[in-house]
């Protein structure tokens, strides 16, 4: 197995807040070396700040990772919104969901993993996740008044769509299902899978 190249320490960017720089640095570490590598100390080093600097914004590693996951959910929501109009709403949202996961596998695992349980400790993460989930509600064809924050048991159509796209993304990330590279062929493949389910 080839040795991993060293991470480049990013110089301070005066246009970004310290908090933003730390989130970016933690995400870089997560994607490059995995969850265990994204410690507060390593994040500070990656961001080019003192090892105490992260404590100005994050109480511990979980708070930092929750901020990274929150950013991930916001990006996923933008992915889904940007896909609107490319086929049926369900197909477009499903393709965007899976594509986001495949392009950000470590982030995706953090977003949906158990590492940040209980999530109620992180209101921003909960809100960002609910916003992304509402896109699944809309794409599933469930009643418009059904909102993620208002239902403990989502309608079956929502659960079905979410189960398919989440399961498909995980299977592809784990190398158990082949998927074309990003682009129209991948979108068509995902749409065919979604359309095969009544």
Protein backbone atom coordinates (compact mmCIF):
# COMPACT_ATOMS: atom_id res chain seq x y z
CA UNK A 1 0.00 0.00 0.00
CA UNK A 2 1.59 3.33 -1.07
CA UNK A 3 2.43 5.83 1.64
CA UNK A 4 0.01 8.73 1.96
CA UNK A 5 1.46 12.11 1.02
CA UNK A 6 1.71 14.54 3.93
CA UNK A 7 -1.06 17.05 4.43
CA UNK A 8 -0.13 20.55 3.43
CA UNK A 9 -0.56 22.98 6.27
CA UNK A 10 -2.74 25.79 4.98
CA UNK A 11 -1.53 29.31 5.66
CA UNK A 12 -3.90 31.59 7.55
CA UNK A 13 -6.46 33.23 5.29
CA UNK A 14 -7.50 36.62 6.58
CA UNK A 15 -10.74 36.37 4.60
CA UNK A 16 -11.99 33.43 6.68
CA UNK A 17 -12.98 33.37 10.31
CA UNK A 18 -11.03 31.14 12.66
CA UNK A 19 -14.09 28.92 13.08
CA UNK A 20 -14.45 28.48 9.31
CA UNK A 21 -10.77 27.68 8.91
CA UNK A 22 -10.98 25.06 11.64
CA UNK A 23 -14.02 23.41 10.07
CA UNK A 24 -12.27 23.29 6.70
CA UNK A 25 -9.12 21.88 8.30
CA UNK A 26 -11.06 19.20 10.21
CA UNK A 27 -12.88 18.20 7.05
CA UNK A 28 -9.59 17.95 5.16
CA UNK A 29 -8.24 15.64 7.86
CA UNK A 30 -11.44 13.59 7.91
CA UNK A 31 -11.39 13.07 4.16
CA UNK A 32 -7.66 12.45 4.00
CA UNK A 33 -6.95 10.28 7.06
CA UNK A 34 -10.31 9.34 8.56
CA UNK A 35 -12.32 10.18 11.64
CA UNK A 36 -9.66 9.38 14.23
CA UNK A 37 -7.24 11.83 12.61
CA UNK A 38 -9.53 14.84 13.02
CA UNK A 39 -8.47 15.74 16.56
CA UNK A 40 -8.52 19.30 17.88
CA UNK A 41 -4.72 19.40 17.98
CA UNK A 42 -4.32 18.06 14.43
CA UNK A 43 -7.00 20.43 13.20
CA UNK A 44 -5.19 23.39 14.74
CA UNK A 45 -1.95 22.27 13.07
CA UNK A 46 -3.71 21.83 9.71
CA UNK A 47 -5.28 25.30 10.02
CA UNK A 48 -1.95 26.86 10.96
CA UNK A 49 -3.04 28.09 14.40
CA UNK A 50 -2.02 27.39 17.99
CA UNK A 51 -3.17 24.13 19.54
CA UNK A 52 -5.41 26.08 21.95
CA UNK A 53 -7.17 28.09 19.22
CA UNK A 54 -9.94 25.52 18.51
CA UNK A 55 -11.17 25.87 22.10
CA UNK A 56 -12.37 29.39 21.30
CA UNK A 57 -15.15 27.83 19.24
CA UNK A 58 -15.37 24.13 20.13
CA UNK A 59 -15.57 22.55 23.55
CA UNK A 60 -14.27 19.22 22.28
CA UNK A 61 -13.74 17.06 19.20
CA UNK A 62 -17.44 16.14 19.03
CA UNK A 63 -18.45 19.80 18.73
CA UNK A 64 -15.94 20.30 15.95
CA UNK A 65 -17.11 17.21 14.08
CA UNK A 66 -20.75 18.23 14.57
CA UNK A 67 -19.93 21.52 12.84
CA UNK A 68 -18.30 19.59 9.98
CA UNK A 69 -21.37 17.33 9.69
CA UNK A 70 -23.69 20.35 9.81
CA UNK A 71 -21.79 21.86 6.91
CA UNK A 72 -22.16 18.53 5.10
CA UNK A 73 -25.94 18.51 5.45
CA UNK A 74 -26.12 22.10 4.18
CA UNK A 75 -24.03 21.12 1.16
CA UNK A 76 -26.21 18.07 0.54
CA UNK A 77 -29.29 20.30 0.57
CA UNK A 78 -27.68 22.58 -2.02
CA UNK A 79 -26.77 19.52 -4.12
CA UNK A 80 -30.39 18.39 -4.12
CA UNK A 81 -31.73 21.88 -4.82
CA UNK A 82 -29.29 22.34 -7.72
CA UNK A 83 -30.51 19.08 -9.29
CA UNK A 84 -34.11 20.29 -9.55
CA UNK A 85 -35.46 19.97 -13.05
CA UNK A 86 -33.20 17.09 -14.11
CA UNK A 87 -35.87 14.43 -14.56
CA UNK A 88 -38.61 13.69 -12.06
CA UNK A 89 -38.25 15.24 -8.62
CA UNK A 90 -37.63 11.82 -7.08
CA UNK A 91 -34.98 10.85 -9.65
CA UNK A 92 -33.21 14.22 -9.48
CA UNK A 93 -33.16 14.29 -5.69
CA UNK A 94 -32.07 10.65 -5.51
CA UNK A 95 -29.23 11.16 -7.99
CA UNK A 96 -28.07 14.28 -6.12
CA UNK A 97 -28.19 12.49 -2.75
CA UNK A 98 -26.15 9.52 -3.97
CA UNK A 99 -23.71 11.71 -5.91
CA UNK A 100 -23.06 13.86 -2.86
CA UNK A 101 -22.32 10.73 -0.81
CA UNK A 102 -19.98 9.30 -3.45
CA UNK A 103 -18.06 12.54 -3.78
CA UNK A 104 -17.73 12.95 0.01
CA UNK A 105 -17.63 9.43 1.49
CA UNK A 106 -15.88 10.21 4.79
CA UNK A 107 -18.08 13.23 5.39
CA UNK A 108 -21.18 11.21 4.50
CA UNK A 109 -20.28 8.52 7.03
CA UNK A 110 -19.78 11.17 9.70
CA UNK A 111 -23.13 12.80 8.89
CA UNK A 112 -25.08 9.57 9.28
CA UNK A 113 -22.89 7.66 11.72
CA UNK A 114 -23.39 7.13 15.44
CA UNK A 115 -20.28 9.08 16.45
CA UNK A 116 -22.26 12.22 17.27
CA UNK A 117 -25.06 10.55 19.24
CA UNK A 118 -27.10 11.86 20.88
CA UNK A 119 -27.52 14.52 18.21
CA UNK A 120 -29.76 16.69 20.36
CA UNK A 121 -26.52 18.11 21.83
CA UNK A 122 -25.96 19.92 18.51
CA UNK A 123 -28.97 22.05 17.51
CA UNK A 124 -27.29 23.35 14.34
CA UNK A 125 -26.62 19.80 13.17
CA UNK A 126 -30.20 18.76 13.91
CA UNK A 127 -31.59 21.75 11.98
CA UNK A 128 -29.32 21.17 8.97
CA UNK A 129 -30.22 17.47 8.92
CA UNK A 130 -33.92 18.29 9.09
CA UNK A 131 -33.59 20.68 6.16
CA UNK A 132 -31.92 18.01 4.03
CA UNK A 133 -34.52 15.46 5.13
CA UNK A 134 -37.32 17.78 3.99
CA UNK A 135 -35.95 17.45 0.46
CA UNK A 136 -36.55 13.69 0.75
CA UNK A 137 -40.07 14.42 1.95
CA UNK A 138 -40.74 16.65 -1.05
CA UNK A 139 -39.15 14.26 -3.55
CA UNK A 140 -41.03 11.24 -2.19
CA UNK A 141 -44.40 12.71 -3.08
CA UNK A 142 -45.55 12.64 0.55
CA UNK A 143 -48.07 15.25 1.62
CA UNK A 144 -46.62 18.75 1.50
CA UNK A 145 -47.55 19.43 5.11
CA UNK A 146 -45.33 16.58 6.36
CA UNK A 147 -42.15 18.15 7.72
CA UNK A 148 -39.16 16.42 9.27
CA UNK A 149 -39.43 18.35 12.51
CA UNK A 150 -43.07 17.46 12.95
CA UNK A 151 -43.17 13.70 12.49
CA UNK A 152 -41.40 11.11 14.58
CA UNK A 153 -42.43 8.37 12.16
CA UNK A 154 -42.05 9.59 8.55
CA UNK A 155 -44.58 8.48 5.94
CA UNK A 156 -43.75 5.18 4.21
CA UNK A 157 -42.97 6.93 0.88
CA UNK A 158 -40.32 9.04 2.60
CA UNK A 159 -38.77 6.06 4.38
CA UNK A 160 -38.75 4.08 1.13
CA UNK A 161 -36.95 6.80 -0.84
CA UNK A 162 -34.49 7.52 1.95
CA UNK A 163 -33.76 3.81 2.46
CA UNK A 164 -33.07 3.30 -1.24
CA UNK A 165 -30.74 6.26 -1.74
CA UNK A 166 -28.96 5.81 1.58
CA UNK A 167 -28.52 2.08 1.07
CA UNK A 168 -27.39 2.53 -2.52
CA UNK A 169 -24.85 5.20 -1.55
CA UNK A 170 -23.45 3.02 1.22
CA UNK A 171 -23.21 -0.05 -1.01
CA UNK A 172 -21.35 1.90 -3.70
CA UNK A 173 -18.99 3.53 -1.17
CA UNK A 174 -18.23 0.07 0.25
CA UNK A 175 -17.42 -1.23 -3.23
CA UNK A 176 -20.30 -3.71 -3.35
CA UNK A 177 -22.09 -2.08 -6.30
CA UNK A 178 -20.39 -0.49 -9.32
CA UNK A 179 -21.56 2.95 -10.40
CA UNK A 180 -20.52 5.11 -13.37
CA UNK A 181 -18.42 8.21 -12.76
CA UNK A 182 -20.20 11.48 -11.99
CA UNK A 183 -22.35 12.67 -14.88
CA UNK A 184 -25.44 11.78 -16.91
CA UNK A 185 -24.67 8.04 -16.96
CA UNK A 186 -24.59 7.90 -13.16
CA UNK A 187 -27.79 9.94 -12.89
CA UNK A 188 -29.52 7.61 -15.37
CA UNK A 189 -28.34 4.53 -13.45
CA UNK A 190 -29.67 5.90 -10.16
CA UNK A 191 -32.96 6.88 -11.82
CA UNK A 192 -33.30 3.34 -13.22
CA UNK A 193 -32.78 1.90 -9.74
CA UNK A 194 -35.35 4.25 -8.22
CA UNK A 195 -37.81 3.54 -11.04
CA UNK A 196 -37.46 -0.22 -10.47
CA UNK A 197 -39.08 0.23 -7.05
CA UNK A 198 -42.88 0.67 -7.18
